[in-house]
Protein backbone atom coordinates (compact mmCIF):
# COMPACT_ATOMS: atom_id res chain seq x y z
CA MET A 1 17.27 23.06 69.44
CA ARG A 2 16.18 19.55 70.06
CA LYS A 3 18.61 16.69 70.01
CA THR A 4 17.20 13.32 69.20
CA TRP A 5 18.93 10.00 68.75
CA THR A 6 17.74 7.19 66.66
CA LEU A 7 18.88 4.16 68.55
CA GLY A 8 17.59 1.33 66.45
CA ALA A 9 19.20 -1.88 67.73
CA THR A 10 20.83 0.06 70.55
CA GLY A 11 17.53 0.21 72.40
CA ALA A 12 17.40 -3.57 72.48
CA ALA A 13 20.93 -3.74 73.88
CA LEU A 14 20.01 -1.23 76.52
CA ALA A 15 17.01 -3.26 77.62
CA ALA A 16 19.16 -6.36 77.89
CA VAL A 17 21.75 -4.64 80.04
CA LEU A 18 19.17 -3.14 82.39
CA ALA A 19 17.50 -6.48 82.78
CA THR A 20 20.71 -7.87 84.28
CA GLY A 21 20.81 -5.09 86.84
CA GLY A 22 24.02 -3.41 85.48
CA CYS A 23 24.66 0.23 84.46
CA TYR A 24 24.77 1.42 80.84
CA ASP A 25 27.34 3.80 79.32
CA PHE A 26 25.17 6.23 77.28
CA ASP A 27 28.11 8.22 75.92
CA ASP A 28 29.73 5.11 74.50
CA ALA A 29 26.39 3.97 73.11
CA GLU A 30 26.03 7.18 71.11
CA ARG A 31 29.55 6.84 69.74
CA ARG A 32 29.01 3.25 68.63
CA CYS A 33 25.62 4.13 67.14
CA ARG A 34 27.18 6.77 64.92
CA GLU A 35 30.12 4.59 63.94
CA GLU A 36 27.74 1.86 62.88
CA GLN A 37 25.62 4.46 60.98
CA ARG A 38 22.50 3.56 62.90
CA CYS A 39 21.97 7.14 64.16
CA ASP A 40 21.41 10.44 62.33
CA PRO A 41 24.49 12.69 62.24
CA GLU A 42 24.57 15.20 65.04
CA GLY A 43 22.52 18.28 64.29
CA VAL A 44 20.44 16.81 61.45
CA GLY A 45 17.97 14.64 63.26
CA PRO A 46 14.22 14.98 62.74
CA GLY A 47 13.04 18.39 63.91
CA GLU A 48 16.49 20.03 63.95
CA ASP A 49 17.52 23.07 61.97
CA GLY A 50 19.24 20.81 59.39
CA GLY A 51 16.10 20.83 57.24
CA ARG A 52 14.16 17.78 58.41
CA ASP A 53 11.48 19.87 60.14
CA ALA A 54 8.08 19.32 58.55
CA GLY A 55 7.56 21.51 55.49
CA ASP A 56 11.24 22.32 54.87
CA ALA A 57 11.49 19.81 51.98
CA GLY A 58 9.75 22.20 49.59
CA ASP A 59 6.50 23.98 48.99
CA ALA A 60 3.47 21.77 48.48
CA GLY A 61 2.96 20.92 44.82
CA ASP A 62 6.58 21.40 43.68
CA ALA A 63 6.76 17.98 41.99
CA GLY A 64 10.27 16.89 41.20
CA ASP A 65 12.07 18.55 44.15
CA ALA A 66 14.76 16.32 45.58
CA GLY A 67 12.89 16.15 48.84
CA ASP A 68 9.84 14.56 47.15
CA CYS A 69 11.66 11.57 45.60
CA ILE A 70 13.46 8.85 47.52
CA PRO A 71 15.61 6.68 45.24
CA ILE A 72 15.30 2.94 45.61
CA PRO A 73 18.86 1.65 46.02
CA ASN A 74 20.28 -1.14 43.86
CA VAL A 75 17.25 -1.12 41.54
CA VAL A 76 17.51 -0.22 37.83
CA ASP A 77 14.76 2.19 36.81
CA VAL A 78 13.11 0.35 33.91
CA PRO A 79 10.12 2.10 32.28
CA ASP A 80 7.00 0.48 33.69
CA ASP A 81 3.23 0.77 33.69
CA ALA A 82 3.28 2.67 36.98
CA PHE A 83 5.40 5.36 35.26
CA ALA A 84 7.47 5.48 38.46
CA ASP A 85 10.73 7.42 38.62
CA THR A 86 12.49 5.01 40.99
CA ASP A 87 15.97 6.54 40.56
CA CYS A 88 14.76 10.16 40.96
CA ASP A 89 16.39 11.40 37.73
CA GLY A 90 13.21 13.07 36.51
CA VAL A 91 11.94 10.45 34.05
CA ASP A 92 10.42 7.00 34.11
CA GLY A 93 13.58 5.12 33.14
CA GLN A 94 17.28 5.88 33.22
CA ALA A 95 17.78 9.29 31.66
CA ASP A 96 21.49 8.73 31.04
CA ALA A 97 20.92 5.34 29.38
CA GLY A 98 18.63 6.51 26.60
CA LEU A 99 18.08 8.90 23.72
CA PHE A 100 15.15 11.31 23.82
CA VAL A 101 13.11 11.99 20.67
CA ASP A 102 10.40 14.65 20.32
CA PRO A 103 8.96 15.19 16.80
CA ALA A 104 7.42 18.50 17.86
CA ALA A 105 10.27 20.10 19.84
CA GLY A 106 13.37 18.17 18.78
CA SER A 107 16.01 18.77 16.12
CA ASP A 108 18.20 16.33 14.21
CA SER A 109 20.72 19.07 13.38
CA THR A 110 21.25 20.56 16.85
CA GLY A 111 19.80 17.90 19.14
CA THR A 112 22.09 15.50 20.96
CA GLY A 113 19.43 13.13 22.26
CA THR A 114 19.27 14.43 25.82
CA ARG A 115 16.01 15.42 27.46
CA ASP A 116 16.89 19.12 27.04
CA ALA A 117 18.12 18.72 23.45
CA PRO A 118 16.02 15.89 21.99
CA LEU A 119 16.22 14.57 18.47
CA ALA A 120 13.33 15.03 16.03
CA THR A 121 13.19 11.62 14.35
CA LEU A 122 13.47 8.01 15.38
CA GLY A 123 15.57 7.39 12.29
CA ARG A 124 18.29 9.74 13.58
CA ALA A 125 18.21 8.05 16.99
CA LEU A 126 18.70 4.64 15.38
CA GLU A 127 21.56 6.03 13.33
CA LEU A 128 23.32 7.27 16.48
CA LEU A 129 22.80 3.89 18.14
CA ARG A 130 24.47 2.15 15.20
CA MET A 131 27.39 4.56 15.36
CA ALA A 132 27.82 3.76 19.06
CA ASP A 133 27.95 0.04 18.16
CA GLY A 134 26.42 -1.12 21.42
CA GLY A 135 28.52 1.15 23.62
CA GLY A 136 25.93 3.82 24.24
CA ALA A 137 22.24 4.09 24.98
CA THR A 138 20.05 1.02 25.27
CA ARG A 139 16.69 2.78 25.25
CA VAL A 140 14.89 5.35 23.13
CA TYR A 141 12.33 7.53 24.89
CA LEU A 142 9.68 8.69 22.41
CA ALA A 143 7.39 11.64 22.97
CA GLY A 144 3.82 11.12 21.88
CA GLY A 145 3.01 12.28 18.36
CA ARG A 146 3.37 11.27 14.74
CA TYR A 147 6.65 10.01 13.33
CA ASP A 148 6.18 10.22 9.56
CA GLU A 149 9.25 8.20 8.62
CA SER A 150 9.66 5.40 6.11
CA GLY A 151 12.24 2.63 6.05
CA LEU A 152 12.69 2.39 9.83
CA VAL A 153 14.90 -0.56 10.80
CA LEU A 154 15.69 -1.49 14.40
CA ASP A 155 18.86 -3.57 14.15
CA VAL A 156 20.58 -2.55 17.40
CA PRO A 157 19.68 -3.93 20.85
CA ALA A 158 17.69 -0.96 22.09
CA SER A 159 14.10 -0.80 23.30
CA LEU A 160 11.56 1.79 22.15
CA HIS A 161 9.48 3.35 24.93
CA GLY A 162 6.62 5.65 23.99
CA GLY A 163 4.07 7.45 26.12
CA TYR A 164 6.21 10.45 27.11
CA THR A 165 4.84 13.99 27.06
CA GLY A 166 7.93 15.52 25.49
CA ARG A 167 10.27 18.36 26.26
CA GLY A 168 7.60 21.00 26.76
CA GLN A 169 5.98 19.02 29.58
CA GLY A 170 9.08 17.76 31.34
CA TRP A 171 9.05 14.25 29.88
CA GLY A 172 6.24 13.03 32.04
CA ARG A 173 4.59 9.81 31.00
CA GLN A 174 1.01 8.80 30.33
CA GLY A 175 -0.52 5.87 28.53
CA THR A 176 -2.43 7.96 25.99
CA ALA A 177 0.65 9.65 24.50
CA LEU A 178 1.48 6.93 21.96
CA ALA A 179 4.38 7.39 19.59
CA ARG A 180 2.78 6.73 16.21
CA LEU A 181 5.17 5.46 13.56
CA ASP A 182 3.57 6.18 10.18
CA GLY A 183 6.06 4.76 7.72
CA GLY A 184 5.95 3.41 4.19
CA THR A 185 4.49 0.09 3.15
CA VAL A 186 6.56 -1.50 5.96
CA GLY A 187 6.05 0.49 9.14
CA LEU A 188 8.96 -0.91 11.18
CA THR A 189 11.44 -3.73 10.64
CA VAL A 190 13.20 -5.46 13.54
CA ARG A 191 16.17 -7.38 12.15
CA GLY A 192 18.97 -9.54 13.51
CA LEU A 193 18.25 -9.21 17.24
CA THR A 194 18.60 -12.59 18.94
CA ASP A 195 17.61 -12.75 22.61
CA ALA A 196 18.31 -9.03 22.96
CA GLY A 197 15.33 -8.46 25.23
CA VAL A 198 14.03 -5.65 23.05
CA VAL A 199 10.75 -4.08 24.18
CA LEU A 200 8.38 -2.01 22.04
CA GLU A 201 5.82 -0.32 24.27
CA TYR A 202 3.29 2.48 24.03
CA VAL A 203 3.89 2.75 20.30
CA GLY A 204 1.54 2.57 17.33
CA VAL A 205 2.98 1.21 14.09
CA HIS A 206 1.06 1.90 10.89
CA SER A 207 1.93 1.05 7.28
CA ALA A 208 0.70 2.79 4.16
CA ASN A 209 -1.43 1.27 1.43
CA ALA A 210 0.71 -0.46 -1.18
CA ALA A 211 0.68 0.82 -4.75
CA THR A 212 3.04 -1.44 -6.71
CA PRO A 213 1.13 -4.44 -8.13
CA GLY A 214 1.42 -7.41 -5.80
CA GLU A 215 3.16 -5.40 -3.05
CA PRO A 216 2.12 -6.15 0.57
CA SER A 217 1.56 -3.66 3.38
CA ILE A 218 3.19 -4.76 6.67
CA ALA A 219 2.95 -2.87 9.94
CA LEU A 220 5.70 -4.69 11.88
CA ARG A 221 8.19 -7.09 10.32
CA VAL A 222 10.44 -9.12 12.65
CA LEU A 223 13.28 -10.95 10.88
CA ALA A 224 15.95 -13.25 12.33
CA SER A 225 15.09 -12.03 15.82
CA SER A 226 13.81 -13.47 19.07
CA GLY A 227 12.88 -12.17 22.49
CA VAL A 228 11.04 -9.14 21.09
CA THR A 229 8.24 -8.03 23.42
CA LEU A 230 5.26 -5.85 22.49
CA ARG A 231 3.43 -4.02 25.25
CA HIS A 232 0.55 -1.59 24.83
CA ALA A 233 1.26 -1.47 21.10
CA GLU A 234 -1.06 -0.82 18.16
CA LEU A 235 -0.30 -2.46 14.83
CA GLU A 236 -2.29 -1.40 11.77
CA ALA A 237 -1.37 -2.53 8.26
CA GLY A 238 -2.66 -0.81 5.14
CA GLN A 239 -4.11 -2.50 2.11
CA GLY A 240 -1.97 -4.66 -0.13
CA ALA A 241 -1.90 -3.69 -3.78
CA PRO A 242 -3.91 -5.65 -6.35
CA GLY A 243 -1.99 -8.14 -8.43
CA ALA A 244 -0.54 -7.22 -11.79
CA ASP A 245 -2.72 -7.51 -14.86
CA GLY A 246 -2.46 -10.74 -16.77
CA GLY A 247 -0.93 -10.88 -20.21
CA THR A 248 -2.85 -10.41 -23.43
CA GLY A 249 -4.79 -13.45 -24.54
CA ASN A 250 -4.18 -15.28 -27.80
CA GLN A 251 -5.72 -13.61 -30.79
CA ALA A 252 -8.04 -15.73 -32.87
CA ALA A 253 -7.33 -16.29 -36.54
CA ASN A 254 -8.86 -13.84 -38.96
CA ALA A 255 -12.04 -14.95 -40.71
CA ALA A 256 -12.15 -15.49 -44.45
CA ASP A 257 -12.49 -12.49 -46.72
CA GLY A 258 -15.44 -12.18 -49.04
CA GLY A 259 -14.83 -12.79 -52.75
CA ALA A 260 -14.83 -10.14 -55.47
CA GLY A 261 -17.92 -9.72 -57.60
CA GLY A 262 -17.77 -10.99 -61.16
CA ALA A 263 -17.16 -8.53 -63.99
CA ALA A 264 -19.81 -8.03 -66.65
CA THR A 265 -19.08 -9.42 -70.09
CA GLY A 266 -20.70 -7.25 -72.68
CA SER A 267 -24.37 -7.21 -71.91
CA ASN A 268 -24.01 -10.18 -69.55
CA PRO A 269 -24.18 -9.07 -65.87
CA GLY A 270 -21.42 -10.04 -63.45
CA LEU A 271 -21.95 -12.72 -60.80
CA VAL A 272 -22.16 -12.04 -57.08
CA GLY A 273 -19.05 -12.06 -54.93
CA PRO A 274 -19.20 -14.97 -52.45
CA PRO A 275 -19.29 -14.11 -48.74
CA GLY A 276 -16.57 -14.95 -46.25
CA VAL A 277 -17.79 -17.90 -44.18
CA ALA A 278 -17.20 -17.97 -40.41
CA THR A 279 -18.66 -20.02 -37.56
CA CYS A 280 -17.68 -19.28 -33.93
CA SER A 281 -18.85 -21.60 -31.16
CA GLY A 282 -21.89 -22.59 -33.20
CA SER A 283 -22.76 -19.02 -34.17
CA ASN A 284 -22.80 -18.14 -37.87
CA ARG A 285 -20.72 -14.98 -38.44
CA SER A 286 -20.49 -15.13 -42.22
CA GLY A 287 -20.50 -12.03 -44.39
CA GLY A 288 -23.21 -11.12 -46.87
CA ALA A 289 -23.04 -11.99 -50.55
CA GLY A 290 -22.66 -9.21 -53.09
CA GLY A 291 -25.46 -8.03 -55.36
CA PHE A 292 -25.99 -9.52 -58.81
CA GLY A 293 -24.97 -7.43 -61.77
CA VAL A 294 -27.75 -6.02 -63.94
CA GLY A 295 -28.48 -4.91 -67.49
CA ARG A 296 -30.62 -1.80 -68.22
CA ALA A 297 -31.60 -1.52 -64.50
CA PRO A 298 -30.45 -0.18 -61.13
CA GLY A 299 -27.90 -2.36 -59.31
CA ASN A 300 -28.96 -4.95 -56.76
CA PRO A 301 -28.15 -4.43 -53.06
CA GLY A 302 -25.70 -6.69 -51.28
CA ARG A 303 -26.90 -9.23 -48.75
CA ASP A 304 -26.69 -8.54 -45.04
CA GLY A 305 -23.82 -9.99 -43.05
CA LEU A 306 -24.63 -12.10 -40.01
CA PRO A 307 -26.06 -11.37 -37.62
CA ASP A 308 -27.13 -7.90 -38.79
CA ALA A 309 -24.56 -5.90 -40.79
CA GLY A 310 -26.44 -4.33 -43.71
CA GLY A 311 -25.50 -4.94 -47.34
CA GLY A 312 -24.50 -2.14 -49.66
CA ASP A 313 -27.00 -0.40 -51.92
CA GLY A 314 -27.07 -1.13 -55.61
CA GLY A 315 -25.74 1.42 -58.04
CA VAL A 316 -28.13 3.94 -59.61
CA ALA A 317 -29.20 3.32 -63.23
CA VAL A 318 -28.71 6.16 -65.71
CA THR A 319 -30.03 7.15 -69.12
CA VAL A 320 -28.21 8.12 -72.30
CA ASN A 321 -26.79 11.64 -72.27
CA CYS A 322 -25.97 13.11 -75.69
CA GLU A 323 -24.23 16.45 -75.98
CA VAL A 324 -26.03 19.03 -78.10
CA GLY A 325 -24.42 19.70 -81.48
CA THR A 326 -22.22 16.66 -81.27
CA GLU A 327 -22.50 13.02 -82.07
CA SER A 328 -21.15 12.06 -78.62
CA CYS A 329 -23.44 10.23 -76.24
CA SER A 330 -22.69 8.51 -72.90
CA CYS A 331 -24.54 6.07 -70.69
CA ASN A 332 -22.33 5.04 -67.70
CA GLY A 333 -23.91 3.27 -64.74
CA ARG A 334 -23.02 4.12 -61.13
CA VAL A 335 -21.01 1.92 -58.80
CA GLY A 336 -22.76 -0.03 -56.10
CA GLY A 337 -22.47 0.91 -52.44
CA ASN A 338 -20.18 -0.72 -49.88
CA GLY A 339 -21.64 -3.12 -47.40
CA GLN A 340 -21.60 -2.12 -43.73
CA PRO A 341 -18.69 -3.42 -41.70
CA GLY A 342 -19.49 -5.97 -39.04
CA ALA A 343 -19.37 -4.81 -35.41
CA PHE A 344 -16.37 -5.65 -33.25
CA GLY A 345 -16.75 -8.40 -30.72
CA ASP A 346 -16.90 -7.54 -27.01
CA GLU A 347 -14.19 -8.26 -24.49
CA GLY A 348 -14.52 -11.51 -22.63
CA PRO A 349 -15.30 -11.52 -18.88
CA ALA A 350 -12.35 -11.31 -16.52
CA GLY A 351 -10.93 -14.51 -15.13
CA PRO A 352 -11.49 -15.59 -11.50
CA LYS A 353 -9.28 -14.14 -8.77
CA GLY A 354 -6.33 -16.03 -7.39
CA THR A 355 -6.76 -18.17 -4.29
CA GLY A 356 -4.47 -19.32 -1.51
CA ARG A 357 -1.68 -17.45 0.26
CA GLY A 358 1.65 -15.98 -0.63
CA VAL A 359 5.03 -17.12 0.64
CA LEU A 360 7.79 -15.56 2.72
CA ASP A 361 10.77 -14.53 0.65
CA LEU A 362 13.63 -15.48 2.97
CA VAL A 363 16.21 -13.63 0.89
CA ASN A 364 14.53 -10.24 0.88
CA GLY A 365 12.54 -10.78 4.05
CA THR A 366 9.10 -9.91 2.79
CA TRP A 367 5.82 -11.53 1.87
CA VAL A 368 5.29 -12.18 -1.83
CA PRO A 369 2.29 -13.50 -3.73
CA ASN A 370 2.59 -16.79 -5.59
CA GLN A 371 -0.98 -17.26 -6.75
CA GLN A 372 -2.38 -16.29 -10.13
CA GLY A 373 -5.86 -15.48 -11.26
CA GLY A 374 -7.61 -17.68 -13.79
CA ASN A 375 -7.72 -17.06 -17.52
CA GLY A 376 -10.30 -14.67 -18.85
CA ASP A 377 -13.12 -15.98 -21.01
CA PRO A 378 -12.82 -15.62 -24.79
CA GLY A 379 -14.10 -12.44 -26.35
CA THR A 380 -17.30 -12.51 -28.36
CA ALA A 381 -17.04 -12.94 -32.13
CA GLY A 382 -17.20 -10.03 -34.54
CA GLU A 383 -20.04 -9.70 -37.03
CA GLY A 384 -19.75 -10.58 -40.70
CA GLY A 385 -19.64 -7.60 -43.06
CA GLY A 386 -22.45 -6.83 -45.46
CA GLY A 387 -22.05 -7.63 -49.16
CA GLY A 388 -21.43 -4.85 -51.65
CA GLY A 389 -24.15 -3.73 -54.04
CA SER A 390 -23.77 -4.33 -57.75
CA GLY A 391 -23.27 -1.45 -60.11
CA GLY A 392 -26.15 0.25 -61.90
CA ALA A 393 -26.50 -0.17 -65.66
CA CYS A 394 -27.62 2.07 -68.53
CA SER A 395 -31.37 1.90 -68.27
CA ASP A 396 -32.49 3.73 -71.44
CA GLN A 397 -35.00 1.41 -73.06
CA ASN A 398 -35.11 3.51 -76.26
CA LEU A 399 -31.65 2.53 -77.34
CA THR A 400 -31.96 0.58 -80.52
CA TRP A 401 -28.71 1.14 -82.35
CA PHE A 402 -26.56 -0.65 -79.70
CA ASN A 403 -27.03 -2.91 -76.71
CA PRO A 404 -25.53 -1.26 -73.55
CA GLY A 405 -23.19 -3.24 -71.36
CA ALA A 406 -24.33 -4.80 -68.06
CA SER A 407 -22.95 -4.04 -64.57
CA GLY A 408 -20.58 -6.12 -62.46
CA GLY A 409 -21.65 -8.02 -59.39
CA GLY A 410 -21.04 -6.73 -55.87
CA GLY A 411 -18.27 -8.14 -53.72
CA GLY A 412 -19.10 -10.43 -50.84
CA GLY A 413 -18.72 -9.29 -47.24
CA GLY A 414 -15.97 -10.74 -45.07
CA GLY A 415 -16.79 -13.10 -42.24
CA GLY A 416 -16.61 -11.96 -38.62
CA GLY A 417 -13.59 -13.03 -36.57
CA CYS A 418 -14.01 -15.26 -33.52
CA GLY A 419 -13.09 -14.01 -30.07
CA GLY A 420 -9.56 -14.50 -28.79
CA THR A 421 -8.85 -16.73 -25.80
CA GLY A 422 -8.15 -15.32 -22.32
């Protein structure tokens, strides 16, 4: 067994003594070296059977053995880009100062937040941090994967560190294992943290498309906070929802109705019913006049409404019909046809979109729109209705013992209504 001393500064003292020509007390030098902790304890020096011989620290490739990691004294192991485990506790960071979350291998019901019993959701980790009220963990170690959680609010002074491989792979760390927070229309809110030194790193925050009219989509919202640092983070907001529909425009006044046709007086035909008159933005939308009444002839058709609603047909003329064996005869004309209704006007074009930006609602802490779109254009006018046809009369020219009555005039068509305003 070899016995080796590590002299350190003792060697310098020895050289100084020899240079003066005196003798040196080696036994006393060893004692003082050990008392001053400058020498290895007896029996455990390099090469002795105490385990410092080359190869005794562990088989090659056994990463994580105590012999492979040398802690750096008086240095806090903060997660860094080198992913270095400077305190040799098995993770990049302080294992006992954080909560571990693994959406694939964790559990919110049985997990305690340790590396061997991780939680399943970030929401549960934040809940435990609030319950601790600042007296517990100050970091959350997130395994890579998807965190499909809405309403996430970070309101405790704790940093979120992603990039970890999770329980199944020993909580190693790599830059590609982002923790992806896929929440609601607000992916993550940081609230009320002033100079807390909070770090969000190796995380991706995504917000969903908004559905409620006028609702925004915000990936990361930071409210009443300062000193928040983002590192190696991805922020992706969804689409904001379209604005709400505008109200119904003002309805235009109804156009004038057409007048009734005149009644026949004996053998004198009735006069035409006057049309309803309407003019919309210089366009004539009047109805058609009714047909004139007739005597001993088919009824006259009504006039067309404007621009092109057809008038009603005139009534059919009839001849005398006498029942056999009786002295009863009849000769009743037929009513005239109705005019065609005018077509409805078309909807007006939509108004122009709103311009400008929204404002920050300081009470609710969200972005709200304050711009409105322009009014829609008026709708197009309806068409005037066609005039009604006059009734048909008794057309038998052989009647000599009495003069048959004439038919009444057709009613006029109503005017078309103008378009309402947007």
